[in-house]
Amino acid sequence: DAELKLENEKNPRWKGKDASYGAIHRWIRRKFGNAKDFQCMFCGGTRKGALVEWANIDGKYTRDPQTWTTLCSMCHRAFDKKNREENHIFSN
């Protein structure tokens, strides 16, 4: 499908700021590669069996590469928990 080969704003399916959480993560992986190919920026990926993931650091989930980093799953969860508590964001 030629439409799917058009990138970003050129694609008629582009949603810009209305893109879903999953769509943003897929875009990040396509642009910057699989996070498992990088180290955790907090602990260096030294935790046994560390699974490294892309993590959004400003909570806005934009396509700005400066707002993304790689964290192992343990550091990612700790980072998200701390930010939710600091910003008084509680989920059920």
PDB file of N, CA and C in Angstrom:
ATOM      1  N   ASP A   1       0.852  -1.181   0.000  1.00  0.00           N
ATOM      2  CA  ASP A   1       0.000   0.000   0.000  1.00  0.00           C
ATOM      3  C   ASP A   1       0.896   1.241   0.000  1.00  0.00           C
ATOM      4  N   ALA A   2       0.873   2.012  -1.056  1.00  0.00           N
ATOM      5  CA  ALA A   2       1.732   3.189  -1.209  1.00  0.00           C
ATOM      6  C   ALA A   2       1.480   4.222  -0.116  1.00  0.00           C
ATOM      7  N   GLU A   3       0.246   4.305   0.340  1.00  0.00           N
ATOM      8  CA  GLU A   3      -0.109   5.279   1.380  1.00  0.00           C
ATOM      9  C   GLU A   3       0.704   5.053   2.648  1.00  0.00           C
ATOM     10  N   LEU A   4       0.983   3.806   2.995  1.00  0.00           N
ATOM     11  CA  LEU A   4       1.718   3.491   4.210  1.00  0.00           C
ATOM     12  C   LEU A   4       3.193   3.845   4.099  1.00  0.00           C
ATOM     13  N   LYS A   5       3.712   4.006   2.879  1.00  0.00           N
ATOM     14  CA  LYS A   5       5.112   4.351   2.695  1.00  0.00           C
ATOM     15  C   LYS A   5       5.373   5.839   2.883  1.00  0.00           C
ATOM     16  N   LEU A   6       4.341   6.650   2.839  1.00  0.00           N
ATOM     17  CA  LEU A   6       4.491   8.079   3.076  1.00  0.00           C
ATOM     18  C   LEU A   6       4.733   8.292   4.559  1.00  0.00           C
ATOM     19  N   GLU A   7       5.754   9.068   4.891  1.00  0.00           N
ATOM     20  CA  GLU A   7       6.093   9.257   6.289  1.00  0.00           C
ATOM     21  C   GLU A   7       5.523  10.541   6.870  1.00  0.00           C
ATOM     22  N   ASN A   8       5.270  10.465   8.160  1.00  0.00           N
ATOM     23  CA  ASN A   8       4.852  11.608   8.963  1.00  0.00           C
ATOM     24  C   ASN A   8       3.695  12.378   8.330  1.00  0.00           C
ATOM     25  N   GLU A   9       3.829  13.693   8.231  1.00  0.00           N
ATOM     26  CA  GLU A   9       2.737  14.539   7.770  1.00  0.00           C
ATOM     27  C   GLU A   9       2.302  14.236   6.337  1.00  0.00           C
ATOM     28  N   LYS A  10       3.150  13.588   5.554  1.00  0.00           N
ATOM     29  CA  LYS A  10       2.814  13.274   4.160  1.00  0.00           C
ATOM     30  C   LYS A  10       1.796  12.136   4.071  1.00  0.00           C
ATOM     31  N   ASN A  11       1.666  11.358   5.120  1.00  0.00           N
ATOM     32  CA  ASN A  11       0.738  10.239   5.127  1.00  0.00           C
ATOM     33  C   ASN A  11      -0.652  10.740   5.512  1.00  0.00           C
ATOM     34  N   PRO A  12      -1.690  10.433   4.736  1.00  0.00           N
ATOM     35  CA  PRO A  12      -3.035  10.916   5.067  1.00  0.00           C
ATOM     36  C   PRO A  12      -3.574  10.348   6.379  1.00  0.00           C
ATOM     37  N   ARG A  13      -2.953   9.310   6.896  1.00  0.00           N
ATOM     38  CA  ARG A  13      -3.387   8.736   8.183  1.00  0.00           C
ATOM     39  C   ARG A  13      -2.690   9.382   9.382  1.00  0.00           C
ATOM     40  N   TRP A  14      -1.807  10.321   9.127  1.00  0.00           N
ATOM     41  CA  TRP A  14      -1.040  10.993  10.178  1.00  0.00           C
ATOM     42  C   TRP A  14      -1.986  11.688  11.150  1.00  0.00           C
ATOM     43  N   LYS A  15      -1.788  11.465  12.443  1.00  0.00           N
ATOM     44  CA  LYS A  15      -2.675  12.063  13.450  1.00  0.00           C
ATOM     45  C   LYS A  15      -1.986  13.149  14.261  1.00  0.00           C
ATOM     46  N   GLY A  16      -0.703  13.346  14.041  1.00  0.00           N
ATOM     47  CA  GLY A  16       0.010  14.410  14.749  1.00  0.00           C
ATOM     48  C   GLY A  16      -0.098  14.263  16.253  1.00  0.00           C
ATOM     49  N   LYS A  17      -0.539  15.335  16.918  1.00  0.00           N
ATOM     50  CA  LYS A  17      -0.658  15.340  18.380  1.00  0.00           C
ATOM     51  C   LYS A  17      -1.749  14.402  18.890  1.00  0.00           C
ATOM     52  N   ASP A  18      -2.625  13.941  18.005  1.00  0.00           N
ATOM     53  CA  ASP A  18      -3.711  13.046  18.414  1.00  0.00           C
ATOM     54  C   ASP A  18      -3.344  11.570  18.305  1.00  0.00           C
ATOM     55  N   ALA A  19      -2.088  11.278  18.012  1.00  0.00           N
ATOM     56  CA  ALA A  19      -1.653   9.881  17.894  1.00  0.00           C
ATOM     57  C   ALA A  19      -1.759   9.187  19.249  1.00  0.00           C
ATOM     58  N   SER A  20      -2.049   7.912  19.206  1.00  0.00           N
ATOM     59  CA  SER A  20      -2.204   7.138  20.445  1.00  0.00           C
ATOM     60  C   SER A  20      -0.849   6.869  21.095  1.00  0.00           C
ATOM     61  N   TYR A  21      -0.898   6.457  22.338  1.00  0.00           N
ATOM     62  CA  TYR A  21       0.283   6.066  23.114  1.00  0.00           C
ATOM     63  C   TYR A  21       1.078   5.018  22.337  1.00  0.00           C
ATOM     64  N   GLY A  22       0.394   3.980  21.852  1.00  0.00           N
ATOM     65  CA  GLY A  22       1.057   2.910  21.107  1.00  0.00           C
ATOM     66  C   GLY A  22       1.661   3.398  19.803  1.00  0.00           C
ATOM     67  N   ALA A  23       0.959   4.291  19.111  1.00  0.00           N
ATOM     68  CA  ALA A  23       1.462   4.822  17.841  1.00  0.00           C
ATOM     69  C   ALA A  23       2.747   5.619  18.046  1.00  0.00           C
ATOM     70  N   ILE A  24       2.798   6.394  19.101  1.00  0.00           N
ATOM     71  CA  ILE A  24       4.010   7.170  19.403  1.00  0.00           C
ATOM     72  C   ILE A  24       5.173   6.224  19.687  1.00  0.00           C
ATOM     73  N   HIS A  25       4.933   5.174  20.478  1.00  0.00           N
ATOM     74  CA  HIS A  25       5.994   4.216  20.782  1.00  0.00           C
ATOM     75  C   HIS A  25       6.477   3.503  19.508  1.00  0.00           C
ATOM     76  N   ARG A  26       5.571   3.146  18.632  1.00  0.00           N
ATOM     77  CA  ARG A  26       5.971   2.501  17.370  1.00  0.00           C
ATOM     78  C   ARG A  26       6.813   3.459  16.523  1.00  0.00           C
ATOM     79  N   TRP A  27       6.437   4.731  16.507  1.00  0.00           N
ATOM     80  CA  TRP A  27       7.178   5.740  15.753  1.00  0.00           C
ATOM     81  C   TRP A  27       8.593   5.865  16.315  1.00  0.00           C
ATOM     82  N   ILE A  28       8.706   5.913  17.635  1.00  0.00           N
ATOM     83  CA  ILE A  28      10.019   6.021  18.282  1.00  0.00           C
ATOM     84  C   ILE A  28      10.894   4.828  17.903  1.00  0.00           C
ATOM     85  N   ARG A  29      10.342   3.611  17.953  1.00  0.00           N
ATOM     86  CA  ARG A  29      11.114   2.413  17.578  1.00  0.00           C
ATOM     87  C   ARG A  29      11.558   2.469  16.113  1.00  0.00           C
ATOM     88  N   ARG A  30      10.680   2.934  15.236  1.00  0.00           N
ATOM     89  CA  ARG A  30      11.052   3.018  13.814  1.00  0.00           C
ATOM     90  C   ARG A  30      12.164   4.040  13.595  1.00  0.00           C
ATOM     91  N   LYS A  31      12.093   5.163  14.280  1.00  0.00           N
ATOM     92  CA  LYS A  31      13.065   6.238  14.084  1.00  0.00           C
ATOM     93  C   LYS A  31      14.401   5.985  14.771  1.00  0.00           C
ATOM     94  N   PHE A  32      14.368   5.386  15.957  1.00  0.00           N
ATOM     95  CA  PHE A  32      15.586   5.287  16.767  1.00  0.00           C
ATOM     96  C   PHE A  32      16.042   3.858  17.029  1.00  0.00           C
ATOM     97  N   GLY A  33      15.274   2.887  16.544  1.00  0.00           N
ATOM     98  CA  GLY A  33      15.671   1.497  16.713  1.00  0.00           C
ATOM     99  C   GLY A  33      15.071   0.865  17.951  1.00  0.00           C
ATOM    100  N   ASN A  34      15.372  -0.382  18.110  1.00  0.00           N
ATOM    101  CA  ASN A  34      14.866  -1.140  19.243  1.00  0.00           C
ATOM    102  C   ASN A  34      15.647  -0.755  20.498  1.00  0.00           C
ATOM    103  N   ALA A  35      14.964  -0.447  21.561  1.00  0.00           N
ATOM    104  CA  ALA A  35      15.611  -0.010  22.794  1.00  0.00           C
ATOM    105  C   ALA A  35      16.544  -1.071  23.362  1.00  0.00           C
ATOM    106  N   LYS A  36      16.273  -2.337  23.063  1.00  0.00           N
ATOM    107  CA  LYS A  36      17.124  -3.400  23.618  1.00  0.00           C
ATOM    108  C   LYS A  36      18.549  -3.327  23.086  1.00  0.00           C
ATOM    109  N   ASP A  37      18.752  -2.540  22.030  1.00  0.00           N
ATOM    110  CA  ASP A  37      20.094  -2.361  21.487  1.00  0.00           C
ATOM    111  C   ASP A  37      20.878  -1.275  22.217  1.00  0.00           C
ATOM    112  N   PHE A  38      20.285  -0.682  23.253  1.00  0.00           N
ATOM    113  CA  PHE A  38      20.902   0.391  24.027  1.00  0.00           C
ATOM    114  C   PHE A  38      21.010  -0.017  25.498  1.00  0.00           C
ATOM    115  N   GLN A  39      21.717   0.777  26.272  1.00  0.00           N
ATOM    116  CA  GLN A  39      21.813   0.551  27.712  1.00  0.00           C
ATOM    117  C   GLN A  39      20.809   1.420  28.451  1.00  0.00           C
ATOM    118  N   CYS A  40      20.479   1.000  29.665  1.00  0.00           N
ATOM    119  CA  CYS A  40      19.652   1.817  30.551  1.00  0.00           C
ATOM    120  C   CYS A  40      20.450   3.060  30.925  1.00  0.00           C
ATOM    121  N   MET A  41      19.841   4.225  30.768  1.00  0.00           N
ATOM    122  CA  MET A  41      20.528   5.476  31.063  1.00  0.00           C
ATOM    123  C   MET A  41      20.630   5.760  32.557  1.00  0.00           C
ATOM    124  N   PHE A  42      19.921   5.001  33.384  1.00  0.00           N
ATOM    125  CA  PHE A  42      20.023   5.187  34.830  1.00  0.00           C
ATOM    126  C   PHE A  42      21.037   4.239  35.447  1.00  0.00           C
ATOM    127  N   CYS A  43      20.899   2.948  35.191  1.00  0.00           N
ATOM    128  CA  CYS A  43      21.768   1.964  35.844  1.00  0.00           C
ATOM    129  C   CYS A  43      22.800   1.364  34.899  1.00  0.00           C
ATOM    130  N   GLY A  44      22.773   1.752  33.642  1.00  0.00           N
ATOM    131  CA  GLY A  44      23.717   1.207  32.678  1.00  0.00           C
ATOM    132  C   GLY A  44      23.343  -0.173  32.172  1.00  0.00           C
ATOM    133  N   GLY A  45      22.128  -0.607  32.496  1.00  0.00           N
ATOM    134  CA  GLY A  45      21.670  -1.920  32.049  1.00  0.00           C
ATOM    135  C   GLY A  45      22.389  -3.054  32.743  1.00  0.00           C
ATOM    136  N   THR A  46      22.877  -2.772  33.946  1.00  0.00           N
ATOM    137  CA  THR A  46      23.668  -3.774  34.648  1.00  0.00           C
ATOM    138  C   THR A  46      22.818  -4.739  35.464  1.00  0.00           C
ATOM    139  N   ARG A  47      21.550  -4.477  35.609  1.00  0.00           N
ATOM    140  CA  ARG A  47      20.686  -5.385  36.362  1.00  0.00           C
ATOM    141  C   ARG A  47      20.562  -6.690  35.591  1.00  0.00           C
ATOM    142  N   LYS A  48      20.602  -7.785  36.308  1.00  0.00           N
ATOM    143  CA  LYS A  48      20.541  -9.099  35.676  1.00  0.00           C
ATOM    144  C   LYS A  48      19.256  -9.241  34.853  1.00  0.00           C
ATOM    145  N   GLY A  49      19.414  -9.613  33.595  1.00  0.00           N
ATOM    146  CA  GLY A  49      18.255  -9.818  32.728  1.00  0.00           C
ATOM    147  C   GLY A  49      17.507  -8.540  32.398  1.00  0.00           C
ATOM    148  N   ALA A  50      18.186  -7.406  32.438  1.00  0.00           N
ATOM    149  CA  ALA A  50      17.533  -6.114  32.202  1.00  0.00           C
ATOM    150  C   ALA A  50      16.931  -6.056  30.807  1.00  0.00           C
ATOM    151  N   LEU A  51      15.654  -5.745  30.733  1.00  0.00           N
ATOM    152  CA  LEU A  51      14.963  -5.512  29.474  1.00  0.00           C
ATOM    153  C   LEU A  51      14.917  -4.002  29.282  1.00  0.00           C
ATOM    154  N   VAL A  52      15.559  -3.497  28.248  1.00  0.00           N
ATOM    155  CA  VAL A  52      15.628  -2.054  28.034  1.00  0.00           C
ATOM    156  C   VAL A  52      14.469  -1.621  27.146  1.00  0.00           C
ATOM    157  N   GLU A  53      13.837  -0.502  27.525  1.00  0.00           N
ATOM    158  CA  GLU A  53      12.638   0.012  26.859  1.00  0.00           C
ATOM    159  C   GLU A  53      12.817   1.496  26.566  1.00  0.00           C
ATOM    160  N   TRP A  54      12.061   1.994  25.607  1.00  0.00           N
ATOM    161  CA  TRP A  54      12.001   3.431  25.391  1.00  0.00           C
ATOM    162  C   TRP A  54      11.111   4.023  26.474  1.00  0.00           C
ATOM    163  N   ALA A  55      11.569   5.106  27.076  1.00  0.00           N
ATOM    164  CA  ALA A  55      10.810   5.766  28.147  1.00  0.00           C
ATOM    165  C   ALA A  55      10.684   7.248  27.836  1.00  0.00           C
ATOM    166  N   ASN A  56       9.482   7.769  27.974  1.00  0.00           N
ATOM    167  CA  ASN A  56       9.235   9.191  27.783  1.00  0.00           C
ATOM    168  C   ASN A  56       9.534   9.884  29.104  1.00  0.00           C
ATOM    169  N   ILE A  57      10.351  10.931  29.066  1.00  0.00           N
ATOM    170  CA  ILE A  57      10.800  11.545  30.307  1.00  0.00           C
ATOM    171  C   ILE A  57      10.064  12.822  30.688  1.00  0.00           C
ATOM    172  N   ASP A  58       9.213  13.338  29.804  1.00  0.00           N
ATOM    173  CA  ASP A  58       8.490  14.559  30.178  1.00  0.00           C
ATOM    174  C   ASP A  58       6.992  14.333  30.367  1.00  0.00           C
ATOM    175  N   GLY A  59       6.524  13.120  30.076  1.00  0.00           N
ATOM    176  CA  GLY A  59       5.115  12.798  30.288  1.00  0.00           C
ATOM    177  C   GLY A  59       4.176  13.332  29.220  1.00  0.00           C
ATOM    178  N   LYS A  60       4.725  13.928  28.165  1.00  0.00           N
ATOM    179  CA  LYS A  60       3.870  14.518  27.120  1.00  0.00           C
ATOM    180  C   LYS A  60       3.731  13.610  25.900  1.00  0.00           C
ATOM    181  N   TYR A  61       4.594  12.623  25.755  1.00  0.00           N
ATOM    182  CA  TYR A  61       4.529  11.636  24.665  1.00  0.00           C
ATOM    183  C   TYR A  61       4.464  12.285  23.295  1.00  0.00           C
ATOM    184  N   THR A  62       5.422  13.171  23.038  1.00  0.00           N
ATOM    185  CA  THR A  62       5.533  13.803  21.729  1.00  0.00           C
ATOM    186  C   THR A  62       6.593  13.066  20.913  1.00  0.00           C
ATOM    187  N   ARG A  63       6.798  13.506  19.699  1.00  0.00           N
ATOM    188  CA  ARG A  63       7.818  12.909  18.847  1.00  0.00           C
ATOM    189  C   ARG A  63       9.152  13.638  18.959  1.00  0.00           C
ATOM    190  N   ASP A  64       9.339  14.407  19.983  1.00  0.00           N
ATOM    191  CA  ASP A  64      10.601  15.112  20.212  1.00  0.00           C
ATOM    192  C   ASP A  64      11.619  14.117  20.776  1.00  0.00           C
ATOM    193  N   PRO A  65      12.690  13.832  20.036  1.00  0.00           N
ATOM    194  CA  PRO A  65      13.660  12.837  20.503  1.00  0.00           C
ATOM    195  C   PRO A  65      14.332  13.215  21.824  1.00  0.00           C
ATOM    196  N   GLN A  66      14.349  14.495  22.154  1.00  0.00           N
ATOM    197  CA  GLN A  66      14.960  14.932  23.411  1.00  0.00           C
ATOM    198  C   GLN A  66      14.147  14.506  24.640  1.00  0.00           C
ATOM    199  N   THR A  67      12.915  14.065  24.423  1.00  0.00           N
ATOM    200  CA  THR A  67      12.058  13.687  25.551  1.00  0.00           C
ATOM    201  C   THR A  67      11.974  12.177  25.732  1.00  0.00           C
ATOM    202  N   TRP A  68      12.873  11.455  25.078  1.00  0.00           N
ATOM    203  CA  TRP A  68      12.883   9.998  25.173  1.00  0.00           C
ATOM    204  C   TRP A  68      14.265   9.522  25.591  1.00  0.00           C
ATOM    205  N   THR A  69      14.301   8.443  26.354  1.00  0.00           N
ATOM    206  CA  THR A  69      15.551   7.814  26.745  1.00  0.00           C
ATOM    207  C   THR A  69      15.320   6.313  26.850  1.00  0.00           C
ATOM    208  N   THR A  70      16.381   5.583  27.075  1.00  0.00           N
ATOM    209  CA  THR A  70      16.260   4.141  27.249  1.00  0.00           C
ATOM    210  C   THR A  70      16.475   3.803  28.713  1.00  0.00           C
ATOM    211  N   LEU A  71      15.534   3.026  29.261  1.00  0.00           N
ATOM    212  CA  LEU A  71      15.618   2.579  30.653  1.00  0.00           C
ATOM    213  C   LEU A  71      15.318   1.095  30.715  1.00  0.00           C
ATOM    214  N   CYS A  72      15.974   0.406  31.654  1.00  0.00           N
ATOM    215  CA  CYS A  72      15.598  -0.985  31.868  1.00  0.00           C
ATOM    216  C   CYS A  72      14.204  -0.984  32.504  1.00  0.00           C
ATOM    217  N   SER A  73      13.532  -2.111  32.440  1.00  0.00           N
ATOM    218  CA  SER A  73      12.146  -2.154  32.915  1.00  0.00           C
ATOM    219  C   SER A  73      12.040  -1.763  34.391  1.00  0.00           C
ATOM    220  N   MET A  74      13.020  -2.147  35.220  1.00  0.00           N
ATOM    221  CA  MET A  74      12.949  -1.786  36.641  1.00  0.00           C
ATOM    222  C   MET A  74      13.093  -0.277  36.848  1.00  0.00           C
ATOM    223  N   CYS A  75      14.071   0.335  36.171  1.00  0.00           N
ATOM    224  CA  CYS A  75      14.260   1.784  36.296  1.00  0.00           C
ATOM    225  C   CYS A  75      13.079   2.539  35.687  1.00  0.00           C
ATOM    226  N   HIS A  76      12.536   2.016  34.581  1.00  0.00           N
ATOM    227  CA  HIS A  76      11.387   2.640  33.921  1.00  0.00           C
ATOM    228  C   HIS A  76      10.188   2.680  34.870  1.00  0.00           C
ATOM    229  N   ARG A  77       9.904   1.565  35.523  1.00  0.00           N
ATOM    230  CA  ARG A  77       8.763   1.516  36.461  1.00  0.00           C
ATOM    231  C   ARG A  77       8.992   2.465  37.634  1.00  0.00           C
ATOM    232  N   ALA A  78      10.222   2.462  38.168  1.00  0.00           N
ATOM    233  CA  ALA A  78      10.532   3.351  39.297  1.00  0.00           C
ATOM    234  C   ALA A  78      10.401   4.818  38.879  1.00  0.00           C
ATOM    235  N   PHE A  79      10.895   5.150  37.685  1.00  0.00           N
ATOM    236  CA  PHE A  79      10.813   6.515  37.173  1.00  0.00           C
ATOM    237  C   PHE A  79       9.355   6.948  37.012  1.00  0.00           C
ATOM    238  N   ASP A  80       8.542   6.091  36.374  1.00  0.00           N
ATOM    239  CA  ASP A  80       7.129   6.419  36.174  1.00  0.00           C
ATOM    240  C   ASP A  80       6.392   6.555  37.499  1.00  0.00           C
ATOM    241  N   LYS A  81       6.674   5.682  38.440  1.00  0.00           N
ATOM    242  CA  LYS A  81       6.008   5.735  39.758  1.00  0.00           C
ATOM    243  C   LYS A  81       6.352   7.042  40.466  1.00  0.00           C
ATOM    244  N   LYS A  82       7.636   7.397  40.454  1.00  0.00           N
ATOM    245  CA  LYS A  82       8.065   8.638  41.111  1.00  0.00           C
ATOM    246  C   LYS A  82       7.384   9.852  40.468  1.00  0.00           C
ATOM    247  N   ASN A  83       7.319   9.876  39.136  1.00  0.00           N
ATOM    248  CA  ASN A  83       6.685  11.006  38.451  1.00  0.00           C
ATOM    249  C   ASN A  83       5.195  11.073  38.735  1.00  0.00           C
ATOM    250  N   ARG A  84       4.523   9.928  38.783  1.00  0.00           N
ATOM    251  CA  ARG A  84       3.086   9.933  39.107  1.00  0.00           C
ATOM    252  C   ARG A  84       2.865  10.480  40.504  1.00  0.00           C
ATOM    253  N   GLU A  85       3.698  10.061  41.444  1.00  0.00           N
ATOM    254  CA  GLU A  85       3.543  10.540  42.819  1.00  0.00           C
ATOM    255  C   GLU A  85       3.845  12.030  42.922  1.00  0.00           C
ATOM    256  N   GLU A  86       4.911  12.487  42.273  1.00  0.00           N
ATOM    257  CA  GLU A  86       5.283  13.901  42.325  1.00  0.00           C
ATOM    258  C   GLU A  86       4.237  14.794  41.664  1.00  0.00           C
ATOM    259  N   ASN A  87       3.589  14.273  40.639  1.00  0.00           N
ATOM    260  CA  ASN A  87       2.576  15.051  39.913  1.00  0.00           C
ATOM    261  C   ASN A  87       1.165  14.728  40.373  1.00  0.00           C
ATOM    262  N   HIS A  88       1.065  13.946  41.438  1.00  0.00           N
ATOM    263  CA  HIS A  88      -0.242  13.563  42.009  1.00  0.00           C
ATOM    264  C   HIS A  88      -1.133  12.894  40.987  1.00  0.00           C
ATOM    265  N   ILE A  89      -0.540  12.011  40.187  1.00  0.00           N
ATOM    266  CA  ILE A  89      -1.289  11.241  39.201  1.00  0.00           C
ATOM    267  C   ILE A  89      -1.420   9.828  39.749  1.00  0.00           C
ATOM    268  N   PHE A  90      -2.621   9.427  40.012  1.00  0.00           N
ATOM    269  CA  PHE A  90      -2.860   8.096  40.566  1.00  0.00           C
ATOM    270  C   PHE A  90      -3.774   7.332  39.650  1.00  0.00           C
ATOM    271  N   SER A  91      -3.407   6.095  39.364  1.00  0.00           N
ATOM    272  CA  SER A  91      -4.251   5.274  38.522  1.00  0.00           C
ATOM    273  C   SER A  91      -4.858   4.171  39.379  1.00  0.00           C
ATOM    274  N   ASN A  92      -6.015   3.666  38.942  1.00  0.00           N
ATOM    275  CA  ASN A  92      -6.688   2.602  39.686  1.00  0.00           C
ATOM    276  C   ASN A  92      -6.083   1.265  39.377  1.00  0.00           C
TER     277      ASN A  92
END
